[in-house]
Amino acid sequence: MRVEDAPARSPPRLVIDSNVWISAALSPHGAPAQLIRRVLAGGTVVFSADTFAELEQRLWKPKFDRYLNTERRHLILHDLSAIAFWVEPPPAITG
């Protein structure tokens, strides 16, 4: 099979931990930020309402006030919300 004949693949969908997002925001040239840039260049970021709420809650912690101003935090959350592939997790299995 030649490469031209191979079926096209859709970009990978990836869930990124909130710690990685926050580290990337705090250090735009660090390894987490580099990872995020690579993911965004060739993949799709996945969020559920719960995972996004976790990131939002953690990003607004006062300990980040001296590193990220209000405008920057709003921009990060707005941009991620706009580019994300949104999923609804299946219901929990109880037994």
PDB file of N, CA and C in Angstrom:
ATOM      1  N   MET A   1       0.844  -1.178   0.000  1.00  0.00           N
ATOM      2  CA  MET A   1       0.000   0.000   0.000  1.00  0.00           C
ATOM      3  C   MET A   1       0.885   1.237   0.000  1.00  0.00           C
ATOM      4  N   ARG A   2       0.579   2.127  -0.873  1.00  0.00           N
ATOM      5  CA  ARG A   2       1.309   3.392  -0.932  1.00  0.00           C
ATOM      6  C   ARG A   2       0.680   4.382   0.046  1.00  0.00           C
ATOM      7  N   VAL A   3       1.476   5.343   0.452  1.00  0.00           N
ATOM      8  CA  VAL A   3       0.986   6.357   1.389  1.00  0.00           C
ATOM      9  C   VAL A   3      -0.220   7.083   0.810  1.00  0.00           C
ATOM     10  N   GLU A   4      -0.189   7.355  -0.485  1.00  0.00           N
ATOM     11  CA  GLU A   4      -1.304   8.077  -1.110  1.00  0.00           C
ATOM     12  C   GLU A   4      -2.607   7.283  -1.028  1.00  0.00           C
ATOM     13  N   ASP A   5      -2.496   5.952  -0.944  1.00  0.00           N
ATOM     14  CA  ASP A   5      -3.679   5.096  -0.898  1.00  0.00           C
ATOM     15  C   ASP A   5      -4.211   4.889   0.516  1.00  0.00           C
ATOM     16  N   ALA A   6      -3.433   5.261   1.500  1.00  0.00           N
ATOM     17  CA  ALA A   6      -3.849   5.057   2.886  1.00  0.00           C
ATOM     18  C   ALA A   6      -5.039   5.953   3.203  1.00  0.00           C
ATOM     19  N   PRO A   7      -5.980   5.441   3.993  1.00  0.00           N
ATOM     20  CA  PRO A   7      -7.125   6.280   4.356  1.00  0.00           C
ATOM     21  C   PRO A   7      -6.681   7.475   5.195  1.00  0.00           C
ATOM     22  N   ALA A   8      -7.343   8.580   4.995  1.00  0.00           N
ATOM     23  CA  ALA A   8      -7.020   9.791   5.757  1.00  0.00           C
ATOM     24  C   ALA A   8      -7.396   9.583   7.217  1.00  0.00           C
ATOM     25  N   ARG A   9      -6.535  10.031   8.084  1.00  0.00           N
ATOM     26  CA  ARG A   9      -6.812   9.928   9.517  1.00  0.00           C
ATOM     27  C   ARG A   9      -7.330  11.261  10.015  1.00  0.00           C
ATOM     28  N   SER A  10      -8.250  11.183  10.937  1.00  0.00           N
ATOM     29  CA  SER A  10      -8.696  12.423  11.563  1.00  0.00           C
ATOM     30  C   SER A  10      -7.680  12.785  12.648  1.00  0.00           C
ATOM     31  N   PRO A  11      -7.582  14.063  12.965  1.00  0.00           N
ATOM     32  CA  PRO A  11      -6.617  14.481  13.996  1.00  0.00           C
ATOM     33  C   PRO A  11      -6.929  13.790  15.324  1.00  0.00           C
ATOM     34  N   PRO A  12      -5.901  13.474  16.105  1.00  0.00           N
ATOM     35  CA  PRO A  12      -6.163  12.847  17.400  1.00  0.00           C
ATOM     36  C   PRO A  12      -6.907  13.804  18.327  1.00  0.00           C
ATOM     37  N   ARG A  13      -7.754  13.240  19.135  1.00  0.00           N
ATOM     38  CA  ARG A  13      -8.465  14.011  20.167  1.00  0.00           C
ATOM     39  C   ARG A  13      -7.795  13.719  21.496  1.00  0.00           C
ATOM     40  N   LEU A  14      -7.436  14.781  22.205  1.00  0.00           N
ATOM     41  CA  LEU A  14      -6.640  14.620  23.417  1.00  0.00           C
ATOM     42  C   LEU A  14      -7.236  15.381  24.590  1.00  0.00           C
ATOM     43  N   VAL A  15      -7.216  14.744  25.744  1.00  0.00           N
ATOM     44  CA  VAL A  15      -7.601  15.385  26.999  1.00  0.00           C
ATOM     45  C   VAL A  15      -6.305  15.769  27.700  1.00  0.00           C
ATOM     46  N   ILE A  16      -6.193  17.025  28.059  1.00  0.00           N
ATOM     47  CA  ILE A  16      -4.980  17.523  28.717  1.00  0.00           C
ATOM     48  C   ILE A  16      -5.339  17.939  30.138  1.00  0.00           C
ATOM     49  N   ASP A  17      -4.581  17.449  31.082  1.00  0.00           N
ATOM     50  CA  ASP A  17      -4.822  17.726  32.494  1.00  0.00           C
ATOM     51  C   ASP A  17      -4.752  19.226  32.779  1.00  0.00           C
ATOM     52  N   SER A  18      -5.567  19.674  33.715  1.00  0.00           N
ATOM     53  CA  SER A  18      -5.598  21.102  34.048  1.00  0.00           C
ATOM     54  C   SER A  18      -4.239  21.609  34.539  1.00  0.00           C
ATOM     55  N   ASN A  19      -3.452  20.757  35.187  1.00  0.00           N
ATOM     56  CA  ASN A  19      -2.109  21.170  35.626  1.00  0.00           C
ATOM     57  C   ASN A  19      -1.230  21.560  34.444  1.00  0.00           C
ATOM     58  N   VAL A  20      -1.377  20.857  33.332  1.00  0.00           N
ATOM     59  CA  VAL A  20      -0.575  21.157  32.144  1.00  0.00           C
ATOM     60  C   VAL A  20      -1.003  22.495  31.555  1.00  0.00           C
ATOM     61  N   TRP A  21      -2.317  22.737  31.472  1.00  0.00           N
ATOM     62  CA  TRP A  21      -2.810  24.021  30.958  1.00  0.00           C
ATOM     63  C   TRP A  21      -2.292  25.174  31.809  1.00  0.00           C
ATOM     64  N   ILE A  22      -2.360  25.012  33.122  1.00  0.00           N
ATOM     65  CA  ILE A  22      -1.929  26.086  34.021  1.00  0.00           C
ATOM     66  C   ILE A  22      -0.422  26.304  33.920  1.00  0.00           C
ATOM     67  N   SER A  23       0.336  25.227  33.881  1.00  0.00           N
ATOM     68  CA  SER A  23       1.791  25.362  33.727  1.00  0.00           C
ATOM     69  C   SER A  23       2.141  26.071  32.426  1.00  0.00           C
ATOM     70  N   ALA A  24       1.417  25.747  31.369  1.00  0.00           N
ATOM     71  CA  ALA A  24       1.660  26.394  30.073  1.00  0.00           C
ATOM     72  C   ALA A  24       1.347  27.886  30.140  1.00  0.00           C
ATOM     73  N   ALA A  25       0.288  28.239  30.844  1.00  0.00           N
ATOM     74  CA  ALA A  25      -0.079  29.655  30.977  1.00  0.00           C
ATOM     75  C   ALA A  25       0.955  30.419  31.799  1.00  0.00           C
ATOM     76  N   LEU A  26       1.501  29.769  32.808  1.00  0.00           N
ATOM     77  CA  LEU A  26       2.471  30.428  33.685  1.00  0.00           C
ATOM     78  C   LEU A  26       3.855  30.530  33.061  1.00  0.00           C
ATOM     79  N   SER A  27       4.183  29.590  32.199  1.00  0.00           N
ATOM     80  CA  SER A  27       5.512  29.559  31.589  1.00  0.00           C
ATOM     81  C   SER A  27       5.378  29.280  30.090  1.00  0.00           C
ATOM     82  N   PRO A  28       5.130  30.316  29.283  1.00  0.00           N
ATOM     83  CA  PRO A  28       4.842  30.141  27.860  1.00  0.00           C
ATOM     84  C   PRO A  28       5.962  29.505  27.036  1.00  0.00           C
ATOM     85  N   HIS A  29       7.174  29.429  27.581  1.00  0.00           N
ATOM     86  CA  HIS A  29       8.282  28.826  26.837  1.00  0.00           C
ATOM     87  C   HIS A  29       8.688  27.467  27.401  1.00  0.00           C
ATOM     88  N   GLY A  30       7.996  27.020  28.443  1.00  0.00           N
ATOM     89  CA  GLY A  30       8.335  25.753  29.080  1.00  0.00           C
ATOM     90  C   GLY A  30       7.800  24.543  28.320  1.00  0.00           C
ATOM     91  N   ALA A  31       8.151  23.374  28.820  1.00  0.00           N
ATOM     92  CA  ALA A  31       7.754  22.115  28.180  1.00  0.00           C
ATOM     93  C   ALA A  31       6.234  21.955  28.070  1.00  0.00           C
ATOM     94  N   PRO A  32       5.448  22.276  29.107  1.00  0.00           N
ATOM     95  CA  PRO A  32       3.997  22.147  28.955  1.00  0.00           C
ATOM     96  C   PRO A  32       3.439  23.025  27.831  1.00  0.00           C
ATOM     97  N   ALA A  33       3.952  24.238  27.707  1.00  0.00           N
ATOM     98  CA  ALA A  33       3.488  25.133  26.636  1.00  0.00           C
ATOM     99  C   ALA A  33       3.880  24.585  25.269  1.00  0.00           C
ATOM    100  N   GLN A  34       5.066  24.006  25.177  1.00  0.00           N
ATOM    101  CA  GLN A  34       5.488  23.399  23.913  1.00  0.00           C
ATOM    102  C   GLN A  34       4.582  22.227  23.551  1.00  0.00           C
ATOM    103  N   LEU A  35       4.242  21.419  24.545  1.00  0.00           N
ATOM    104  CA  LEU A  35       3.322  20.303  24.321  1.00  0.00           C
ATOM    105  C   LEU A  35       1.977  20.807  23.814  1.00  0.00           C
ATOM    106  N   ILE A  36       1.444  21.823  24.459  1.00  0.00           N
ATOM    107  CA  ILE A  36       0.150  22.392  24.061  1.00  0.00           C
ATOM    108  C   ILE A  36       0.212  22.891  22.617  1.00  0.00           C
ATOM    109  N   ARG A  37       1.270  23.586  22.261  1.00  0.00           N
ATOM    110  CA  ARG A  37       1.394  24.086  20.886  1.00  0.00           C
ATOM    111  C   ARG A  37       1.407  22.946  19.878  1.00  0.00           C
ATOM    112  N   ARG A  38       2.096  21.873  20.202  1.00  0.00           N
ATOM    113  CA  ARG A  38       2.139  20.722  19.288  1.00  0.00           C
ATOM    114  C   ARG A  38       0.769  20.061  19.174  1.00  0.00           C
ATOM    115  N   VAL A  39       0.086  19.943  20.286  1.00  0.00           N
ATOM    116  CA  VAL A  39      -1.260  19.359  20.262  1.00  0.00           C
ATOM    117  C   VAL A  39      -2.179  20.223  19.409  1.00  0.00           C
ATOM    118  N   LEU A  40      -2.155  21.525  19.622  1.00  0.00           N
ATOM    119  CA  LEU A  40      -3.040  22.420  18.878  1.00  0.00           C
ATOM    120  C   LEU A  40      -2.706  22.448  17.392  1.00  0.00           C
ATOM    121  N   ALA A  41      -1.453  22.208  17.048  1.00  0.00           N
ATOM    122  CA  ALA A  41      -1.048  22.211  15.641  1.00  0.00           C
ATOM    123  C   ALA A  41      -1.527  20.970  14.898  1.00  0.00           C
ATOM    124  N   GLY A  42      -1.724  19.866  15.618  1.00  0.00           N
ATOM    125  CA  GLY A  42      -2.077  18.647  14.904  1.00  0.00           C
ATOM    126  C   GLY A  42      -3.161  17.808  15.531  1.00  0.00           C
ATOM    127  N   GLY A  43      -3.816  18.331  16.533  1.00  0.00           N
ATOM    128  CA  GLY A  43      -4.832  17.544  17.219  1.00  0.00           C
ATOM    129  C   GLY A  43      -6.002  18.392  17.654  1.00  0.00           C
ATOM    130  N   THR A  44      -6.899  17.760  18.360  1.00  0.00           N
ATOM    131  CA  THR A  44      -8.095  18.424  18.861  1.00  0.00           C
ATOM    132  C   THR A  44      -8.150  18.246  20.370  1.00  0.00           C
ATOM    133  N   VAL A  45      -8.345  19.343  21.074  1.00  0.00           N
ATOM    134  CA  VAL A  45      -8.447  19.320  22.525  1.00  0.00           C
ATOM    135  C   VAL A  45      -9.879  18.966  22.917  1.00  0.00           C
ATOM    136  N   VAL A  46     -10.006  18.056  23.870  1.00  0.00           N
ATOM    137  CA  VAL A  46     -11.318  17.581  24.312  1.00  0.00           C
ATOM    138  C   VAL A  46     -11.587  18.068  25.733  1.00  0.00           C
ATOM    139  N   PHE A  47     -12.783  18.603  25.932  1.00  0.00           N
ATOM    140  CA  PHE A  47     -13.247  18.992  27.260  1.00  0.00           C
ATOM    141  C   PHE A  47     -14.664  18.482  27.467  1.00  0.00           C
ATOM    142  N   SER A  48     -14.972  18.196  28.709  1.00  0.00           N
ATOM    143  CA  SER A  48     -16.361  18.029  29.126  1.00  0.00           C
ATOM    144  C   SER A  48     -16.668  19.249  29.990  1.00  0.00           C
ATOM    145  N   ALA A  49     -17.918  19.437  30.324  1.00  0.00           N
ATOM    146  CA  ALA A  49     -18.271  20.565  31.194  1.00  0.00           C
ATOM    147  C   ALA A  49     -17.518  20.467  32.519  1.00  0.00           C
ATOM    148  N   ASP A  50     -17.374  19.247  33.035  1.00  0.00           N
ATOM    149  CA  ASP A  50     -16.686  19.059  34.316  1.00  0.00           C
ATOM    150  C   ASP A  50     -15.191  19.349  34.226  1.00  0.00           C
ATOM    151  N   THR A  51     -14.531  18.881  33.169  1.00  0.00           N
ATOM    152  CA  THR A  51     -13.089  19.120  33.068  1.00  0.00           C
ATOM    153  C   THR A  51     -12.795  20.596  32.821  1.00  0.00           C
ATOM    154  N   PHE A  52     -13.669  21.260  32.066  1.00  0.00           N
ATOM    155  CA  PHE A  52     -13.478  22.691  31.835  1.00  0.00           C
ATOM    156  C   PHE A  52     -13.727  23.473  33.123  1.00  0.00           C
ATOM    157  N   ALA A  53     -14.748  23.079  33.872  1.00  0.00           N
ATOM    158  CA  ALA A  53     -15.036  23.748  35.147  1.00  0.00           C
ATOM    159  C   ALA A  53     -13.870  23.588  36.121  1.00  0.00           C
ATOM    160  N   GLU A  54     -13.232  22.419  36.105  1.00  0.00           N
ATOM    161  CA  GLU A  54     -12.064  22.203  36.964  1.00  0.00           C
ATOM    162  C   GLU A  54     -10.937  23.161  36.588  1.00  0.00           C
ATOM    163  N   LEU A  55     -10.660  23.278  35.297  1.00  0.00           N
ATOM    164  CA  LEU A  55      -9.614  24.202  34.849  1.00  0.00           C
ATOM    165  C   LEU A  55      -9.972  25.636  35.234  1.00  0.00           C
ATOM    166  N   GLU A  56     -11.201  26.011  34.978  1.00  0.00           N
ATOM    167  CA  GLU A  56     -11.646  27.374  35.286  1.00  0.00           C
ATOM    168  C   GLU A  56     -11.497  27.674  36.776  1.00  0.00           C
ATOM    169  N   GLN A  57     -11.938  26.756  37.611  1.00  0.00           N
ATOM    170  CA  GLN A  57     -11.861  26.953  39.055  1.00  0.00           C
ATOM    171  C   GLN A  57     -10.406  27.083  39.515  1.00  0.00           C
ATOM    172  N   ARG A  58      -9.548  26.249  38.999  1.00  0.00           N
ATOM    173  CA  ARG A  58      -8.146  26.279  39.410  1.00  0.00           C
ATOM    174  C   ARG A  58      -7.436  27.517  38.874  1.00  0.00           C
ATOM    175  N   LEU A  59      -7.771  27.922  37.648  1.00  0.00           N
ATOM    176  CA  LEU A  59      -7.120  29.079  37.039  1.00  0.00           C
ATOM    177  C   LEU A  59      -7.436  30.373  37.795  1.00  0.00           C
ATOM    178  N   TRP A  60      -8.589  30.419  38.447  1.00  0.00           N
ATOM    179  CA  TRP A  60      -8.984  31.628  39.179  1.00  0.00           C
ATOM    180  C   TRP A  60      -8.514  31.647  40.631  1.00  0.00           C
ATOM    181  N   LYS A  61      -7.709  30.684  41.029  1.00  0.00           N
ATOM    182  CA  LYS A  61      -7.197  30.697  42.406  1.00  0.00           C
ATOM    183  C   LYS A  61      -6.331  31.944  42.622  1.00  0.00           C
ATOM    184  N   PRO A  62      -6.470  32.569  43.784  1.00  0.00           N
ATOM    185  CA  PRO A  62      -5.714  33.796  44.071  1.00  0.00           C
ATOM    186  C   PRO A  62      -4.198  33.634  43.960  1.00  0.00           C
ATOM    187  N   LYS A  63      -3.691  32.420  44.156  1.00  0.00           N
ATOM    188  CA  LYS A  63      -2.232  32.248  44.094  1.00  0.00           C
ATOM    189  C   LYS A  63      -1.656  32.542  42.715  1.00  0.00           C
ATOM    190  N   PHE A  64      -2.512  32.595  41.674  1.00  0.00           N
ATOM    191  CA  PHE A  64      -2.036  32.902  40.328  1.00  0.00           C
ATOM    192  C   PHE A  64      -2.197  34.380  39.969  1.00  0.00           C
ATOM    193  N   ASP A  65      -2.746  35.181  40.885  1.00  0.00           N
ATOM    194  CA  ASP A  65      -3.005  36.599  40.605  1.00  0.00           C
ATOM    195  C   ASP A  65      -1.760  37.356  40.157  1.00  0.00           C
ATOM    196  N   ARG A  66      -0.630  37.060  40.749  1.00  0.00           N
ATOM    197  CA  ARG A  66       0.573  37.819  40.399  1.00  0.00           C
ATOM    198  C   ARG A  66       1.192  37.374  39.083  1.00  0.00           C
ATOM    199  N   TYR A  67       0.712  36.251  38.533  1.00  0.00           N
ATOM    200  CA  TYR A  67       1.256  35.737  37.275  1.00  0.00           C
ATOM    201  C   TYR A  67       0.324  35.935  36.079  1.00  0.00           C
ATOM    202  N   LEU A  68      -0.974  35.895  36.341  1.00  0.00           N
ATOM    203  CA  LEU A  68      -1.973  35.992  35.267  1.00  0.00           C
ATOM    204  C   LEU A  68      -3.022  37.025  35.639  1.00  0.00           C
ATOM    205  N   ASN A  69      -3.132  38.069  34.837  1.00  0.00           N
ATOM    206  CA  ASN A  69      -4.152  39.069  35.135  1.00  0.00           C
ATOM    207  C   ASN A  69      -5.529  38.565  34.688  1.00  0.00           C
ATOM    208  N   THR A  70      -6.541  39.289  35.055  1.00  0.00           N
ATOM    209  CA  THR A  70      -7.917  38.894  34.754  1.00  0.00           C
ATOM    210  C   THR A  70      -8.147  38.743  33.258  1.00  0.00           C
ATOM    211  N   GLU A  71      -7.652  39.688  32.489  1.00  0.00           N
ATOM    212  CA  GLU A  71      -7.848  39.641  31.038  1.00  0.00           C
ATOM    213  C   GLU A  71      -7.227  38.385  30.430  1.00  0.00           C
ATOM    214  N   ARG A  72      -6.025  38.050  30.873  1.00  0.00           N
ATOM    215  CA  ARG A  72      -5.337  36.861  30.337  1.00  0.00           C
ATOM    216  C   ARG A  72      -6.117  35.587  30.666  1.00  0.00           C
ATOM    217  N   ARG A  73      -6.623  35.493  31.889  1.00  0.00           N
ATOM    218  CA  ARG A  73      -7.392  34.300  32.278  1.00  0.00           C
ATOM    219  C   ARG A  73      -8.672  34.186  31.462  1.00  0.00           C
ATOM    220  N   HIS A  74      -9.364  35.306  31.288  1.00  0.00           N
ATOM    221  CA  HIS A  74     -10.577  35.281  30.459  1.00  0.00           C
ATOM    222  C   HIS A  74     -10.251  34.846  29.035  1.00  0.00           C
ATOM    223  N   LEU A  75      -9.165  35.358  28.496  1.00  0.00           N
ATOM    224  CA  LEU A  75      -8.768  35.026  27.129  1.00  0.00           C
ATOM    225  C   LEU A  75      -8.438  33.539  26.988  1.00  0.00           C
ATOM    226  N   ILE A  76      -7.694  32.997  27.925  1.00  0.00           N
ATOM    227  CA  ILE A  76      -7.357  31.567  27.892  1.00  0.00           C
ATOM    228  C   ILE A  76      -8.628  30.728  27.880  1.00  0.00           C
ATOM    229  N   LEU A  77      -9.535  31.011  28.799  1.00  0.00           N
ATOM    230  CA  LEU A  77     -10.763  30.220  28.899  1.00  0.00           C
ATOM    231  C   LEU A  77     -11.651  30.401  27.674  1.00  0.00           C
ATOM    232  N   HIS A  78     -11.741  31.607  27.180  1.00  0.00           N
ATOM    233  CA  HIS A  78     -12.550  31.872  25.983  1.00  0.00           C
ATOM    234  C   HIS A  78     -12.000  31.111  24.784  1.00  0.00           C
ATOM    235  N   ASP A  79     -10.687  31.220  24.570  1.00  0.00           N
ATOM    236  CA  ASP A  79     -10.069  30.561  23.417  1.00  0.00           C
ATOM    237  C   ASP A  79     -10.186  29.042  23.505  1.00  0.00           C
ATOM    238  N   LEU A  80      -9.952  28.489  24.683  1.00  0.00           N
ATOM    239  CA  LEU A  80     -10.082  27.037  24.830  1.00  0.00           C
ATOM    240  C   LEU A  80     -11.513  26.580  24.601  1.00  0.00           C
ATOM    241  N   SER A  81     -12.446  27.334  25.111  1.00  0.00           N
ATOM    242  CA  SER A  81     -13.856  26.994  24.913  1.00  0.00           C
ATOM    243  C   SER A  81     -14.214  26.988  23.435  1.00  0.00           C
ATOM    244  N   ALA A  82     -13.653  27.920  22.691  1.00  0.00           N
ATOM    245  CA  ALA A  82     -13.975  28.044  21.268  1.00  0.00           C
ATOM    246  C   ALA A  82     -13.375  26.928  20.421  1.00  0.00           C
ATOM    247  N   ILE A  83     -12.197  26.441  20.774  1.00  0.00           N
ATOM    248  CA  ILE A  83     -11.539  25.438  19.926  1.00  0.00           C
ATOM    249  C   ILE A  83     -11.782  24.005  20.374  1.00  0.00           C
ATOM    250  N   ALA A  84     -12.336  23.832  21.551  1.00  0.00           N
ATOM    251  CA  ALA A  84     -12.472  22.492  22.121  1.00  0.00           C
ATOM    252  C   ALA A  84     -13.507  21.648  21.387  1.00  0.00           C
ATOM    253  N   PHE A  85     -13.269  20.353  21.419  1.00  0.00           N
ATOM    254  CA  PHE A  85     -14.271  19.371  21.032  1.00  0.00           C
ATOM    255  C   PHE A  85     -14.950  18.992  22.342  1.00  0.00           C
ATOM    256  N   TRP A  86     -16.240  19.274  22.429  1.00  0.00           N
ATOM    257  CA  TRP A  86     -16.966  19.075  23.680  1.00  0.00           C
ATOM    258  C   TRP A  86     -17.619  17.699  23.707  1.00  0.00           C
ATOM    259  N   VAL A  87     -17.467  17.015  24.836  1.00  0.00           N
ATOM    260  CA  VAL A  87     -18.066  15.694  25.006  1.00  0.00           C
ATOM    261  C   VAL A  87     -18.899  15.676  26.277  1.00  0.00           C
ATOM    262  N   GLU A  88     -19.834  14.766  26.286  1.00  0.00           N
ATOM    263  CA  GLU A  88     -20.611  14.527  27.497  1.00  0.00           C
ATOM    264  C   GLU A  88     -20.268  13.127  27.976  1.00  0.00           C
ATOM    265  N   PRO A  89     -19.655  13.022  29.156  1.00  0.00           N
ATOM    266  CA  PRO A  89     -19.274  11.695  29.640  1.00  0.00           C
ATOM    267  C   PRO A  89     -20.505  10.808  29.823  1.00  0.00           C
ATOM    268  N   PRO A  90     -20.327   9.508  29.652  1.00  0.00           N
ATOM    269  CA  PRO A  90     -21.452   8.602  29.885  1.00  0.00           C
ATOM    270  C   PRO A  90     -21.812   8.589  31.366  1.00  0.00           C
ATOM    271  N   PRO A  91     -23.022   8.179  31.686  1.00  0.00           N
ATOM    272  CA  PRO A  91     -23.406   8.130  33.103  1.00  0.00           C
ATOM    273  C   PRO A  91     -22.531   7.133  33.871  1.00  0.00           C
ATOM    274  N   ALA A  92     -22.360   7.410  35.141  1.00  0.00           N
ATOM    275  CA  ALA A  92     -21.561   6.528  35.991  1.00  0.00           C
ATOM    276  C   ALA A  92     -22.250   5.176  36.131  1.00  0.00           C
ATOM    277  N   ILE A  93     -21.446   4.152  36.223  1.00  0.00           N
ATOM    278  CA  ILE A  93     -21.979   2.803  36.423  1.00  0.00           C
ATOM    279  C   ILE A  93     -22.023   2.542  37.918  1.00  0.00           C
ATOM    280  N   THR A  94     -23.171   2.195  38.396  1.00  0.00           N
ATOM    281  CA  THR A  94     -23.305   1.877  39.817  1.00  0.00           C
ATOM    282  C   THR A  94     -23.608   0.394  39.945  1.00  0.00           C
ATOM    283  N   GLY A  95     -23.199  -0.142  41.021  1.00  0.00           N
ATOM    284  CA  GLY A  95     -23.349  -1.559  41.038  1.00  0.00           C
ATOM    285  C   GLY A  95     -23.756  -2.206  42.241  1.00  0.00           C
TER     286      GLY A  95
END
